[in-house]
Structure formats: structure tokens, C-alpha cells
PDB file of N, CA and C in Angstrom:
ATOM      1  N   MET A   1      70.364 167.408  91.200  1.00  0.00           N
ATOM      2  CA  MET A   1      70.060 166.102  91.623  1.00  0.00           C
ATOM      3  C   MET A   1      71.226 164.986  92.069  1.00  0.00           C
ATOM      4  N   LYS A   2      71.186 164.708  93.313  1.00  0.00           N
ATOM      5  CA  LYS A   2      72.268 163.832  93.535  1.00  0.00           C
ATOM      6  C   LYS A   2      72.335 162.777  92.625  1.00  0.00           C
ATOM      7  N   GLY A   3      73.491 161.922  92.893  1.00  0.00           N
ATOM      8  CA  GLY A   3      73.729 160.629  92.068  1.00  0.00           C
ATOM      9  C   GLY A   3      74.809 159.806  92.849  1.00  0.00           C
ATOM     10  N   TYR A   4      74.530 158.554  92.702  1.00  0.00           N
ATOM     11  CA  TYR A   4      75.237 157.488  93.352  1.00  0.00           C
ATOM     12  C   TYR A   4      76.024 156.567  92.247  1.00  0.00           C
ATOM     13  N   MET A   5      77.361 156.273  92.436  1.00  0.00           N
ATOM     14  CA  MET A   5      77.842 155.292  91.900  1.00  0.00           C
ATOM     15  C   MET A   5      77.999 154.030  92.770  1.00  0.00           C
ATOM     16  N   TYR A   6      77.811 152.890  92.496  1.00  0.00           N
ATOM     17  CA  TYR A   6      77.731 151.821  93.559  1.00  0.00           C
ATOM     18  C   TYR A   6      78.322 150.551  92.801  1.00  0.00           C
ATOM     19  N   ILE A   7      78.538 149.620  93.591  1.00  0.00           N
ATOM     20  CA  ILE A   7      79.424 148.364  93.259  1.00  0.00           C
ATOM     21  C   ILE A   7      78.384 147.178  94.018  1.00  0.00           C
ATOM     22  N   LEU A   8      77.876 146.344  93.556  1.00  0.00           N
ATOM     23  CA  LEU A   8      77.146 145.081  94.159  1.00  0.00           C
ATOM     24  C   LEU A   8      78.067 144.010  93.927  1.00  0.00           C
ATOM     25  N   LEU A   9      77.777 143.076  94.799  1.00  0.00           N
ATOM     26  CA  LEU A   9      78.223 141.591  94.817  1.00  0.00           C
ATOM     27  C   LEU A   9      76.977 140.726  94.559  1.00  0.00           C
ATOM     28  N   CYS A  10      77.131 139.850  93.492  1.00  0.00           N
ATOM     29  CA  CYS A  10      76.292 138.859  92.831  1.00  0.00           C
ATOM     30  C   CYS A  10      76.628 137.737  93.654  1.00  0.00           C
ATOM     31  N   SER A  11      75.429 136.771  93.344  1.00  0.00           N
ATOM     32  CA  SER A  11      75.660 135.580  94.028  1.00  0.00           C
ATOM     33  C   SER A  11      76.710 134.708  93.538  1.00  0.00           C
ATOM     34  N   ASP A  12      77.070 134.886  92.364  1.00  0.00           N
ATOM     35  CA  ASP A  12      78.194 133.994  91.468  1.00  0.00           C
ATOM     36  C   ASP A  12      79.400 134.464  91.890  1.00  0.00           C
ATOM     37  N   GLY A  13      79.734 135.881  92.499  1.00  0.00           N
ATOM     38  CA  GLY A  13      80.967 136.482  93.165  1.00  0.00           C
ATOM     39  C   GLY A  13      81.327 137.454  92.245  1.00  0.00           C
ATOM     40  N   SER A  14      80.511 137.713  91.188  1.00  0.00           N
ATOM     41  CA  SER A  14      80.893 138.784  90.369  1.00  0.00           C
ATOM     42  C   SER A  14      80.396 140.007  90.742  1.00  0.00           C
ATOM     43  N   TYR A  15      81.090 141.152  90.389  1.00  0.00           N
ATOM     44  CA  TYR A  15      80.788 142.669  90.711  1.00  0.00           C
ATOM     45  C   TYR A  15      79.776 143.214  89.619  1.00  0.00           C
ATOM     46  N   TYR A  16      78.995 143.922  90.051  1.00  0.00           N
ATOM     47  CA  TYR A  16      78.163 144.890  88.954  1.00  0.00           C
ATOM     48  C   TYR A  16      78.458 146.396  89.503  1.00  0.00           C
ATOM     49  N   THR A  17      78.667 147.265  88.675  1.00  0.00           N
ATOM     50  CA  THR A  17      79.128 148.470  88.697  1.00  0.00           C
ATOM     51  C   THR A  17      77.768 149.319  88.054  1.00  0.00           C
ATOM     52  N   GLY A  18      77.141 150.319  88.753  1.00  0.00           N
ATOM     53  CA  GLY A  18      75.949 151.021  88.489  1.00  0.00           C
ATOM     54  C   GLY A  18      76.052 152.393  88.851  1.00  0.00           C
ATOM     55  N   SER A  19      75.247 153.196  88.411  1.00  0.00           N
ATOM     56  CA  SER A  19      74.786 154.625  88.823  1.00  0.00           C
ATOM     57  C   SER A  19      73.376 154.864  89.038  1.00  0.00           C
ATOM     58  N   THR A  20      73.011 155.594  89.859  1.00  0.00           N
ATOM     59  CA  THR A  20      71.494 156.023  89.927  1.00  0.00           C
ATOM     60  C   THR A  20      71.319 157.162  90.458  1.00  0.00           C
ATOM     61  N   ASN A  21      70.291 158.046  90.478  1.00  0.00           N
ATOM     62  CA  ASN A  21      69.770 158.949  91.460  1.00  0.00           C
ATOM     63  C   ASN A  21      68.961 158.597  92.538  1.00  0.00           C
ATOM     64  N   ASP A  22      68.541 157.446  92.969  1.00  0.00           N
ATOM     65  CA  ASP A  22      67.863 156.889  94.205  1.00  0.00           C
ATOM     66  C   ASP A  22      68.489 155.469  94.394  1.00  0.00           C
ATOM     67  N   LEU A  23      69.538 155.443  95.322  1.00  0.00           N
ATOM     68  CA  LEU A  23      70.030 154.308  95.604  1.00  0.00           C
ATOM     69  C   LEU A  23      69.292 153.298  96.343  1.00  0.00           C
ATOM     70  N   GLU A  24      68.620 153.417  97.326  1.00  0.00           N
ATOM     71  CA  GLU A  24      67.779 152.421  97.911  1.00  0.00           C
ATOM     72  C   GLU A  24      66.422 151.832  97.092  1.00  0.00           C
ATOM     73  N   ARG A  25      66.011 152.844  96.009  1.00  0.00           N
ATOM     74  CA  ARG A  25      65.016 152.232  95.066  1.00  0.00           C
ATOM     75  C   ARG A  25      65.780 151.402  94.045  1.00  0.00           C
ATOM     76  N   ARG A  26      66.865 151.717  93.658  1.00  0.00           N
ATOM     77  CA  ARG A  26      67.766 150.821  92.607  1.00  0.00           C
ATOM     78  C   ARG A  26      68.121 149.307  93.333  1.00  0.00           C
ATOM     79  N   LEU A  27      68.480 149.375  94.505  1.00  0.00           N
ATOM     80  CA  LEU A  27      68.724 148.156  95.157  1.00  0.00           C
ATOM     81  C   LEU A  27      67.862 147.488  95.383  1.00  0.00           C
ATOM     82  N   ALA A  28      66.538 148.087  95.471  1.00  0.00           N
ATOM     83  CA  ALA A  28      65.304 147.141  95.465  1.00  0.00           C
ATOM     84  C   ALA A  28      65.136 146.525  94.130  1.00  0.00           C
ATOM     85  N   GLU A  29      65.040 147.307  93.385  1.00  0.00           N
ATOM     86  CA  GLU A  29      64.962 146.871  91.765  1.00  0.00           C
ATOM     87  C   GLU A  29      65.962 145.772  91.575  1.00  0.00           C
ATOM     88  N   HIS A  30      67.028 145.881  91.832  1.00  0.00           N
ATOM     89  CA  HIS A  30      67.893 144.718  91.517  1.00  0.00           C
ATOM     90  C   HIS A  30      67.599 143.440  92.366  1.00  0.00           C
ATOM     91  N   GLN A  31      67.082 143.488  93.618  1.00  0.00           N
ATOM     92  CA  GLN A  31      66.794 142.507  94.508  1.00  0.00           C
ATOM     93  C   GLN A  31      65.428 141.890  93.828  1.00  0.00           C
ATOM     94  N   ASN A  32      64.666 142.729  93.084  1.00  0.00           N
ATOM     95  CA  ASN A  32      63.569 142.235  92.559  1.00  0.00           C
ATOM     96  C   ASN A  32      63.605 141.768  90.967  1.00  0.00           C
ATOM     97  N   GLY A  33      64.565 141.612  90.711  1.00  0.00           N
ATOM     98  CA  GLY A  33      64.886 141.111  89.363  1.00  0.00           C
ATOM     99  C   GLY A  33      64.568 142.227  88.180  1.00  0.00           C
ATOM    100  N   GLU A  34      64.469 143.482  88.732  1.00  0.00           N
ATOM    101  CA  GLU A  34      64.091 144.345  87.941  1.00  0.00           C
ATOM    102  C   GLU A  34      65.234 145.201  87.400  1.00  0.00           C
ATOM    103  N   GLY A  35      66.429 144.867  87.593  1.00  0.00           N
ATOM    104  CA  GLY A  35      67.768 145.608  87.521  1.00  0.00           C
ATOM    105  C   GLY A  35      68.052 145.009  86.294  1.00  0.00           C
ATOM    106  N   ALA A  36      69.425 145.450  85.926  1.00  0.00           N
ATOM    107  CA  ALA A  36      70.387 145.006  84.941  1.00  0.00           C
ATOM    108  C   ALA A  36      70.131 143.280  84.694  1.00  0.00           C
ATOM    109  N   ASN A  37      70.380 143.192  83.469  1.00  0.00           N
ATOM    110  CA  ASN A  37      70.601 141.612  83.063  1.00  0.00           C
ATOM    111  C   ASN A  37      71.556 140.971  83.819  1.00  0.00           C
ATOM    112  N   HIS A  38      72.646 141.480  83.976  1.00  0.00           N
ATOM    113  CA  HIS A  38      73.735 140.658  84.675  1.00  0.00           C
ATOM    114  C   HIS A  38      73.173 140.381  86.250  1.00  0.00           C
ATOM    115  N   THR A  39      72.371 141.515  86.790  1.00  0.00           N
ATOM    116  CA  THR A  39      71.891 140.906  88.108  1.00  0.00           C
ATOM    117  C   THR A  39      70.888 140.152  88.327  1.00  0.00           C
ATOM    118  N   LYS A  40      69.863 140.436  87.171  1.00  0.00           N
ATOM    119  CA  LYS A  40      68.857 139.448  87.333  1.00  0.00           C
ATOM    120  C   LYS A  40      69.112 137.943  87.140  1.00  0.00           C
ATOM    121  N   LYS A  41      70.256 137.649  86.842  1.00  0.00           N
ATOM    122  CA  LYS A  41      70.490 136.232  86.736  1.00  0.00           C
ATOM    123  C   LYS A  41      71.587 135.855  87.806  1.00  0.00           C
ATOM    124  N   ARG A  42      71.781 136.564  88.816  1.00  0.00           N
ATOM    125  CA  ARG A  42      72.717 136.427  89.640  1.00  0.00           C
ATOM    126  C   ARG A  42      72.091 137.043  91.323  1.00  0.00           C
ATOM    127  N   LEU A  43      70.837 136.729  91.427  1.00  0.00           N
ATOM    128  CA  LEU A  43      70.542 137.120  92.558  1.00  0.00           C
ATOM    129  C   LEU A  43      70.694 135.900  93.767  1.00  0.00           C
ATOM    130  N   PRO A  44      70.787 136.391  94.756  1.00  0.00           N
ATOM    131  CA  PRO A  44      70.566 137.807  95.612  1.00  0.00           C
ATOM    132  C   PRO A  44      71.753 138.727  95.485  1.00  0.00           C
ATOM    133  N   VAL A  45      71.776 140.060  95.058  1.00  0.00           N
ATOM    134  CA  VAL A  45      72.887 140.854  95.282  1.00  0.00           C
ATOM    135  C   VAL A  45      73.083 141.633  96.582  1.00  0.00           C
ATOM    136  N   SER A  46      74.309 142.162  96.939  1.00  0.00           N
ATOM    137  CA  SER A  46      74.398 142.912  98.101  1.00  0.00           C
ATOM    138  C   SER A  46      75.317 144.108  97.737  1.00  0.00           C
ATOM    139  N   LEU A  47      74.910 145.056  98.446  1.00  0.00           N
ATOM    140  CA  LEU A  47      75.690 146.518  98.246  1.00  0.00           C
ATOM    141  C   LEU A  47      77.223 146.305  98.906  1.00  0.00           C
ATOM    142  N   LEU A  48      78.113 146.680  98.189  1.00  0.00           N
ATOM    143  CA  LEU A  48      79.353 146.657  98.833  1.00  0.00           C
ATOM    144  C   LEU A  48      80.129 147.963  99.150  1.00  0.00           C
ATOM    145  N   TYR A  49      79.672 148.782  98.143  1.00  0.00           N
ATOM    146  CA  TYR A  49      80.340 150.142  98.120  1.00  0.00           C
ATOM    147  C   TYR A  49      79.674 151.241  97.359  1.00  0.00           C
ATOM    148  N   TYR A  50      79.593 152.450  97.588  1.00  0.00           N
ATOM    149  CA  TYR A  50      79.067 153.319  96.891  1.00  0.00           C
ATOM    150  C   TYR A  50      79.653 154.938  97.321  1.00  0.00           C
ATOM    151  N   GLU A  51      79.526 155.617  96.054  1.00  0.00           N
ATOM    152  CA  GLU A  51      79.863 156.943  96.039  1.00  0.00           C
ATOM    153  C   GLU A  51      78.833 158.106  95.822  1.00  0.00           C
ATOM    154  N   GLU A  52      78.745 159.129  96.640  1.00  0.00           N
ATOM    155  CA  GLU A  52      77.736 160.077  96.293  1.00  0.00           C
ATOM    156  C   GLU A  52      78.117 161.198  95.730  1.00  0.00           C
ATOM    157  N   TYR A  53      77.266 161.697  94.842  1.00  0.00           N
ATOM    158  CA  TYR A  53      78.123 162.885  93.947  1.00  0.00           C
ATOM    159  C   TYR A  53      76.813 163.982  93.888  1.00  0.00           C
ATOM    160  N   GLN A  54      76.942 165.228  93.611  1.00  0.00           N
ATOM    161  CA  GLN A  54      76.186 166.407  93.356  1.00  0.00           C
ATOM    162  C   GLN A  54      75.067 166.067  92.399  1.00  0.00           C
ATOM    163  N   ARG A  55      75.759 165.512  91.364  1.00  0.00           N
ATOM    164  CA  ARG A  55      74.945 165.391  90.231  1.00  0.00           C
ATOM    165  C   ARG A  55      74.919 163.770  89.519  1.00  0.00           C
ATOM    166  N   ILE A  56      73.854 163.607  89.078  1.00  0.00           N
ATOM    167  CA  ILE A  56      73.774 162.260  88.528  1.00  0.00           C
ATOM    168  C   ILE A  56      74.975 161.786  87.253  1.00  0.00           C
ATOM    169  N   ASP A  57      74.919 163.015  86.744  1.00  0.00           N
ATOM    170  CA  ASP A  57      76.122 162.801  85.220  1.00  0.00           C
ATOM    171  C   ASP A  57      77.424 162.672  85.782  1.00  0.00           C
ATOM    172  N   GLU A  58      77.797 163.282  87.093  1.00  0.00           N
ATOM    173  CA  GLU A  58      79.141 162.992  87.536  1.00  0.00           C
ATOM    174  C   GLU A  58      78.982 161.215  88.153  1.00  0.00           C
ATOM    175  N   ALA A  59      78.042 160.895  88.740  1.00  0.00           N
ATOM    176  CA  ALA A  59      77.980 159.567  89.014  1.00  0.00           C
ATOM    177  C   ALA A  59      78.249 158.706  88.037  1.00  0.00           C
ATOM    178  N   PHE A  60      77.346 158.961  86.857  1.00  0.00           N
ATOM    179  CA  PHE A  60      77.331 157.986  85.701  1.00  0.00           C
ATOM    180  C   PHE A  60      78.726 158.125  84.982  1.00  0.00           C
ATOM    181  N   TYR A  61      79.240 159.002  85.004  1.00  0.00           N
ATOM    182  CA  TYR A  61      81.025 159.398  84.422  1.00  0.00           C
ATOM    183  C   TYR A  61      81.619 158.314  85.215  1.00  0.00           C
ATOM    184  N   ARG A  62      81.484 158.260  86.699  1.00  0.00           N
ATOM    185  CA  ARG A  62      82.325 157.595  87.502  1.00  0.00           C
ATOM    186  C   ARG A  62      81.994 155.803  87.317  1.00  0.00           C
ATOM    187  N   GLU A  63      80.701 155.629  86.994  1.00  0.00           N
ATOM    188  CA  GLU A  63      80.267 154.275  86.907  1.00  0.00           C
ATOM    189  C   GLU A  63      81.106 153.799  85.607  1.00  0.00           C
ATOM    190  N   LYS A  64      81.188 154.459  84.637  1.00  0.00           N
ATOM    191  CA  LYS A  64      81.901 154.209  83.283  1.00  0.00           C
ATOM    192  C   LYS A  64      83.103 154.057  83.561  1.00  0.00           C
ATOM    193  N   GLN A  65      84.042 154.665  84.368  1.00  0.00           N
ATOM    194  CA  GLN A  65      85.313 154.815  84.676  1.00  0.00           C
ATOM    195  C   GLN A  65      85.725 153.234  85.532  1.00  0.00           C
ATOM    196  N   VAL A  66      84.688 153.117  86.542  1.00  0.00           N
ATOM    197  CA  VAL A  66      85.159 152.140  87.271  1.00  0.00           C
ATOM    198  C   VAL A  66      84.716 150.767  86.708  1.00  0.00           C
ATOM    199  N   GLN A  67      83.510 150.536  85.720  1.00  0.00           N
ATOM    200  CA  GLN A  67      83.452 149.342  84.968  1.00  0.00           C
ATOM    201  C   GLN A  67      84.481 148.943  84.183  1.00  0.00           C
ATOM    202  N   GLY A  68      85.584 149.959  83.965  1.00  0.00           N
ATOM    203  CA  GLY A  68      86.606 149.363  83.247  1.00  0.00           C
ATOM    204  C   GLY A  68      87.944 148.925  83.825  1.00  0.00           C
ATOM    205  N   TRP A  69      87.784 149.026  85.222  1.00  0.00           N
ATOM    206  CA  TRP A  69      88.739 148.610  86.005  1.00  0.00           C
ATOM    207  C   TRP A  69      88.968 147.112  86.305  1.00  0.00           C
ATOM    208  N   SER A  70      90.069 146.592  86.506  1.00  0.00           N
ATOM    209  CA  SER A  70      89.834 145.180  86.892  1.00  0.00           C
ATOM    210  C   SER A  70      89.554 144.903  88.181  1.00  0.00           C
ATOM    211  N   ARG A  71      89.152 143.528  88.434  1.00  0.00           N
ATOM    212  CA  ARG A  71      88.494 143.353  89.872  1.00  0.00           C
ATOM    213  C   ARG A  71      89.471 143.579  91.214  1.00  0.00           C
ATOM    214  N   LYS A  72      90.685 143.359  90.931  1.00  0.00           N
ATOM    215  CA  LYS A  72      91.600 143.787  92.021  1.00  0.00           C
ATOM    216  C   LYS A  72      91.473 145.240  92.200  1.00  0.00           C
ATOM    217  N   LYS A  73      91.445 146.120  91.080  1.00  0.00           N
ATOM    218  CA  LYS A  73      91.468 147.753  91.392  1.00  0.00           C
ATOM    219  C   LYS A  73      90.162 147.962  91.911  1.00  0.00           C
ATOM    220  N   LYS A  74      89.137 147.234  91.600  1.00  0.00           N
ATOM    221  CA  LYS A  74      88.047 147.562  92.414  1.00  0.00           C
ATOM    222  C   LYS A  74      88.005 147.287  93.898  1.00  0.00           C
ATOM    223  N   GLU A  75      88.428 146.201  93.978  1.00  0.00           N
ATOM    224  CA  GLU A  75      88.509 145.675  95.475  1.00  0.00           C
ATOM    225  C   GLU A  75      89.617 146.566  96.473  1.00  0.00           C
ATOM    226  N   ALA A  76      90.635 147.238  95.763  1.00  0.00           N
ATOM    227  CA  ALA A  76      91.373 148.079  96.293  1.00  0.00           C
ATOM    228  C   ALA A  76      90.815 149.644  96.671  1.00  0.00           C
ATOM    229  N   LEU A  77      89.838 150.002  95.762  1.00  0.00           N
ATOM    230  CA  LEU A  77      88.867 150.855  95.962  1.00  0.00           C
ATOM    231  C   LEU A  77      87.681 150.934  97.163  1.00  0.00           C
ATOM    232  N   MET A  78      87.144 149.580  97.123  1.00  0.00           N
ATOM    233  CA  MET A  78      86.294 149.300  98.099  1.00  0.00           C
ATOM    234  C   MET A  78      86.930 149.112  99.706  1.00  0.00           C
ATOM    235  N   GLU A  79      88.114 148.683  99.433  1.00  0.00           N
ATOM    236  CA  GLU A  79      89.219 148.781 100.814  1.00  0.00           C
ATOM    237  C   GLU A  79      89.535 149.764 101.253  1.00  0.00           C
ATOM    238  N   GLY A  80      89.358 150.806 100.310  1.00  0.00           N
ATOM    239  CA  GLY A  80      89.872 152.254 100.802  1.00  0.00           C
ATOM    240  C   GLY A  80      91.888 152.189 100.621  1.00  0.00           C
ATOM    241  N   ASN A  81      92.027 151.472  99.472  1.00  0.00           N
ATOM    242  CA  ASN A  81      93.337 151.498  99.532  1.00  0.00           C
ATOM    243  C   ASN A  81      93.875 152.349  98.200  1.00  0.00           C
ATOM    244  N   VAL A  82      93.546 153.520  98.222  1.00  0.00           N
ATOM    245  CA  VAL A  82      93.754 154.376  97.135  1.00  0.00           C
ATOM    246  C   VAL A  82      95.071 154.406  96.813  1.00  0.00           C
ATOM    247  N   ASP A  83      96.109 154.284  97.539  1.00  0.00           N
ATOM    248  CA  ASP A  83      97.502 154.394  97.136  1.00  0.00           C
ATOM    249  C   ASP A  83      97.858 153.157  96.019  1.00  0.00           C
ATOM    250  N   LEU A  84      97.084 152.231  96.076  1.00  0.00           N
ATOM    251  CA  LEU A  84      97.297 151.036  95.176  1.00  0.00           C
ATOM    252  C   LEU A  84      96.769 151.144  93.815  1.00  0.00           C
ATOM    253  N   LEU A  85      95.972 152.021  93.740  1.00  0.00           N
ATOM    254  CA  LEU A  85      95.142 152.607  92.370  1.00  0.00           C
ATOM    255  C   LEU A  85      96.031 152.761  91.133  1.00  0.00           C
ATOM    256  N   PRO A  86      96.796 153.672  91.507  1.00  0.00           N
ATOM    257  CA  PRO A  86      97.782 153.729  90.032  1.00  0.00           C
ATOM    258  C   PRO A  86      98.618 152.503  89.703  1.00  0.00           C
ATOM    259  N   GLU A  87      99.083 151.683  90.731  1.00  0.00           N
ATOM    260  CA  GLU A  87     100.014 150.686  90.127  1.00  0.00           C
ATOM    261  C   GLU A  87      98.907 149.453  89.702  1.00  0.00           C
ATOM    262  N   LEU A  88      97.533 149.489  90.157  1.00  0.00           N
ATOM    263  CA  LEU A  88      96.706 148.602  89.647  1.00  0.00           C
ATOM    264  C   LEU A  88      96.058 148.939  88.111  1.00  0.00           C
ATOM    265  N   ALA A  89      96.511 150.230  87.883  1.00  0.00           N
ATOM    266  CA  ALA A  89      96.058 150.838  86.505  1.00  0.00           C
ATOM    267  C   ALA A  89      96.952 150.382  85.282  1.00  0.00           C
ATOM    268  N   LYS A  90      98.114 149.745  85.718  1.00  0.00           N
ATOM    269  CA  LYS A  90      98.862 149.640  84.610  1.00  0.00           C
ATOM    270  C   LYS A  90      98.355 148.405  83.884  1.00  0.00           C
ATOM    271  N   ALA A  91      98.294 148.408  82.626  1.00  0.00           N
ATOM    272  CA  ALA A  91      98.022 147.400  81.500  1.00  0.00           C
ATOM    273  C   ALA A  91      99.067 146.457  81.405  1.00  0.00           C
ATOM    274  N   TYR A  92      98.497 145.214  81.345  1.00  0.00           N
ATOM    275  CA  TYR A  92      99.576 144.075  81.198  1.00  0.00           C
ATOM    276  C   TYR A  92     100.730 144.268  80.070  1.00  0.00           C
ATOM    277  N   ARG A  93     100.146 145.066  78.828  1.00  0.00           N
ATOM    278  CA  ARG A  93     101.023 145.385  77.931  1.00  0.00           C
ATOM    279  C   ARG A  93     102.263 146.165  78.225  1.00  0.00           C
ATOM    280  N   ASP A  94     101.865 147.089  79.248  1.00  0.00           N
ATOM    281  CA  ASP A  94     103.001 148.008  79.845  1.00  0.00           C
ATOM    282  C   ASP A  94     103.890 147.455  80.614  1.00  0.00           C
ATOM    283  N   LEU A  95     103.497 146.359  81.060  1.00  0.00           N
ATOM    284  CA  LEU A  95     104.496 145.724  82.225  1.00  0.00           C
ATOM    285  C   LEU A  95     105.897 145.454  81.204  1.00  0.00           C
ATOM    286  N   PRO A  96     107.146 145.301  82.100  1.00  0.00           N
ATOM    287  CA  PRO A  96     108.070 144.753  81.458  1.00  0.00           C
ATOM    288  C   PRO A  96     108.228 143.371  81.020  1.00  0.00           C
ATOM    289  N   SER A  97     108.508 142.761  79.979  1.00  0.00           N
ATOM    290  CA  SER A  97     108.354 141.595  79.630  1.00  0.00           C
ATOM    291  C   SER A  97     109.660 140.628  80.325  1.00  0.00           C
ATOM    292  N   SER A  98     109.495 139.589  80.572  1.00  0.00           N
ATOM    293  CA  SER A  98     110.188 138.571  81.084  1.00  0.00           C
ATOM    294  C   SER A  98     110.366 137.354  80.372  1.00  0.00           C
ATOM    295  N   GLY A  99     111.837 137.159  80.089  1.00  0.00           N
ATOM    296  CA  GLY A  99     112.094 135.982  79.657  1.00  0.00           C
ATOM    297  C   GLY A  99     112.200 136.038  77.863  1.00  0.00           C
ATOM    298  N   LEU A 100     111.656 137.277  77.392  1.00  0.00           N
ATOM    299  CA  LEU A 100     111.775 137.498  76.031  1.00  0.00           C
ATOM    300  C   LEU A 100     112.883 138.211  75.630  1.00  0.00           C
ATOM    301  N   ARG A 101     113.338 137.864  74.454  1.00  0.00           N
ATOM    302  CA  ARG A 101     114.766 138.532  73.989  1.00  0.00           C
ATOM    303  C   ARG A 101     114.217 139.764  72.776  1.00  0.00           C
ATOM    304  N   GLN A 102     114.549 140.706  73.021  1.00  0.00           N
ATOM    305  CA  GLN A 102     114.451 141.853  72.145  1.00  0.00           C
ATOM    306  C   GLN A 102     115.586 141.748  70.715  1.00  0.00           C
ATOM    307  N   GLN A 103     115.020 141.814  69.683  1.00  0.00           N
ATOM    308  CA  GLN A 103     116.043 141.515  68.605  1.00  0.00           C
ATOM    309  C   GLN A 103     116.412 142.991  67.907  1.00  0.00           C
TER     310      GLN A 103
END
């Protein structure tokens, strides 16, 4: 059974990342307030991006991966700027500190 990972834009400007085996049905559920709590409170929503997978478990895995990404990294994915993804994956703690002295 096919699966989809998708990103919605909510009315407050936030993103919602989900997965489903029926994208059209799931989008209708979100629009009708039958989706996740996050989207129920932020209607209407619009589909910005989706990826199709051969199996729903692959889509679910991808959903969990993308949910942990920063807004900028999600936007790079949606815009097709995959070359930016490794740079945007760096954690703040991994960046060189500026103005701090090492003792």
C-alpha cells in the first residue's frame, strides 16, 4: 500500500508534517477539523509539499524525520534546495562559538 509524507501550511503560518495512505482523504479530514489537534485549531490548511512512497511505513519514517527539522530546513526541502539540507542539519551546539574564550 502506498504512503505519503506531506507538509501543510496552517492559517497561523505554522507547518504541519504528517503521513497517510490516502492523501486526498486526509487533506479533507484536516480541512473538516477531523485531523490532528494542531491543524484543528489552525484552519484552513493548504498542502505545500508531499512525497510518495511504496509503503506506508516508509512514509511514516520520513514523517518522523522531517518533523524534527527546523523551519528553514523544511522550506529548503519544499523549494527543492536539497544541496542546502546538510548545512541546515547542523545543530546550534555544533557551530563554532564566537567571542567566547576557551580556558
